[in-house]
Amino acid sequence: MIEERDPKHLLVEKAKDWEADCIFVGTSSLDALGRLLVGSVSSAVVARAHCSVEVVRDRAEDSAVDVVA
């Protein structure tokens, strides 16, 4: 499937269409300005999803565990 839409909305919409129990998303290495301009896809998915969301970090990033919905 290839769609050119905002992933913040597309991921949540497709998960609902497919009756998904969980969404897995990765993090990116955007700096604070990039997150401000583009926004965090993982944060938006956590806020909008009807199901559980697991945010997966790269091992090179901070090893702290994120609390997700």
C-alpha atoms as a PDB file:
ATOM      1  CA  MET A   1       0.000   0.000   0.000  1.00  0.00           C
ATOM      2  CA  ILE A   2       1.361   3.407  -0.948  1.00  0.00           C
ATOM      3  CA  GLU A   3      -0.523   6.521   0.086  1.00  0.00           C
ATOM      4  CA  GLU A   4       0.649  10.107   0.147  1.00  0.00           C
ATOM      5  CA  ARG A   5      -1.110  11.410   3.241  1.00  0.00           C
ATOM      6  CA  ASP A   6      -0.202  12.645   6.672  1.00  0.00           C
ATOM      7  CA  PRO A   7       0.980   9.555   8.587  1.00  0.00           C
ATOM      8  CA  LYS A   8      -0.424  10.981  11.845  1.00  0.00           C
ATOM      9  CA  HIS A   9      -3.933  10.462  10.515  1.00  0.00           C
ATOM     10  CA  LEU A  10      -3.338   7.603   8.084  1.00  0.00           C
ATOM     11  CA  LEU A  11      -1.876   5.199  10.662  1.00  0.00           C
ATOM     12  CA  VAL A  12      -4.789   5.704  13.047  1.00  0.00           C
ATOM     13  CA  GLU A  13      -7.372   5.446  10.264  1.00  0.00           C
ATOM     14  CA  LYS A  14      -5.912   2.219   8.834  1.00  0.00           C
ATOM     15  CA  ALA A  15      -5.593   0.646  12.287  1.00  0.00           C
ATOM     16  CA  LYS A  16      -9.276   1.364  12.899  1.00  0.00           C
ATOM     17  CA  ASP A  17     -10.274   0.025   9.452  1.00  0.00           C
ATOM     18  CA  TRP A  18      -8.306  -3.184  10.105  1.00  0.00           C
ATOM     19  CA  GLU A  19      -9.601  -3.450  13.697  1.00  0.00           C
ATOM     20  CA  ALA A  20      -6.005  -3.549  14.950  1.00  0.00           C
ATOM     21  CA  ASP A  21      -5.337  -4.319  18.601  1.00  0.00           C
ATOM     22  CA  CYS A  22      -2.034  -2.434  18.662  1.00  0.00           C
ATOM     23  CA  ILE A  23      -0.020   0.022  16.557  1.00  0.00           C
ATOM     24  CA  PHE A  24       3.788  -0.069  16.614  1.00  0.00           C
ATOM     25  CA  VAL A  25       5.588   3.133  15.620  1.00  0.00           C
ATOM     26  CA  GLY A  26       9.228   4.123  15.695  1.00  0.00           C
ATOM     27  CA  THR A  27      10.776   7.376  16.781  1.00  0.00           C
ATOM     28  CA  SER A  28      12.789   9.720  14.605  1.00  0.00           C
ATOM     29  CA  SER A  29      15.851  11.757  15.322  1.00  0.00           C
ATOM     30  CA  LEU A  30      14.300  15.172  14.740  1.00  0.00           C
ATOM     31  CA  ASP A  31      15.555  17.952  16.946  1.00  0.00           C
ATOM     32  CA  ALA A  32      13.204  20.192  18.936  1.00  0.00           C
ATOM     33  CA  LEU A  33      12.685  22.592  16.006  1.00  0.00           C
ATOM     34  CA  GLY A  34      11.930  19.726  13.628  1.00  0.00           C
ATOM     35  CA  ARG A  35       9.363  18.280  16.035  1.00  0.00           C
ATOM     36  CA  LEU A  36       7.799  21.736  16.367  1.00  0.00           C
ATOM     37  CA  LEU A  37       7.556  22.237  12.596  1.00  0.00           C
ATOM     38  CA  VAL A  38       6.692  18.682  11.550  1.00  0.00           C
ATOM     39  CA  GLY A  39       5.211  17.347  14.758  1.00  0.00           C
ATOM     40  CA  SER A  40       5.773  13.987  16.333  1.00  0.00           C
ATOM     41  CA  VAL A  41       3.991  11.209  14.465  1.00  0.00           C
ATOM     42  CA  SER A  42       4.300   8.854  17.426  1.00  0.00           C
ATOM     43  CA  SER A  43       2.814  11.408  19.848  1.00  0.00           C
ATOM     44  CA  ALA A  44      -0.075  12.125  17.501  1.00  0.00           C
ATOM     45  CA  VAL A  45      -0.806   8.416  17.022  1.00  0.00           C
ATOM     46  CA  VAL A  46      -0.746   7.823  20.793  1.00  0.00           C
ATOM     47  CA  ALA A  47      -3.192  10.703  21.291  1.00  0.00           C
ATOM     48  CA  ARG A  48      -5.636   9.640  18.546  1.00  0.00           C
ATOM     49  CA  ALA A  49      -5.537   5.844  18.404  1.00  0.00           C
ATOM     50  CA  HIS A  50      -8.477   3.680  19.488  1.00  0.00           C
ATOM     51  CA  CYS A  51      -6.103   0.872  20.470  1.00  0.00           C
ATOM     52  CA  SER A  52      -2.802   0.382  22.269  1.00  0.00           C
ATOM     53  CA  VAL A  53       0.275   2.054  20.784  1.00  0.00           C
ATOM     54  CA  GLU A  54       3.841   0.865  21.304  1.00  0.00           C
ATOM     55  CA  VAL A  55       6.564   3.435  20.603  1.00  0.00           C
ATOM     56  CA  VAL A  56       9.864   1.773  19.721  1.00  0.00           C
ATOM     57  CA  ARG A  57      13.131   3.659  20.073  1.00  0.00           C
ATOM     58  CA  ASP A  58      16.422   3.060  18.319  1.00  0.00           C
ATOM     59  CA  ARG A  59      18.940   1.421  20.639  1.00  0.00           C
ATOM     60  CA  ALA A  60      21.280   4.360  20.075  1.00  0.00           C
ATOM     61  CA  GLU A  61      18.756   6.726  21.645  1.00  0.00           C
ATOM     62  CA  ASP A  62      18.012   7.168  25.331  1.00  0.00           C
ATOM     63  CA  SER A  63      17.270   3.788  26.895  1.00  0.00           C
ATOM     64  CA  ALA A  64      14.452   5.039  29.144  1.00  0.00           C
ATOM     65  CA  VAL A  65      11.083   3.356  28.612  1.00  0.00           C
ATOM     66  CA  ASP A  66       8.251   5.514  27.261  1.00  0.00           C
ATOM     67  CA  VAL A  67       4.815   5.272  28.806  1.00  0.00           C
ATOM     68  CA  VAL A  68       2.288   4.840  26.018  1.00  0.00           C
ATOM     69  CA  ALA A  69      -1.458   4.416  25.762  1.00  0.00           C
END
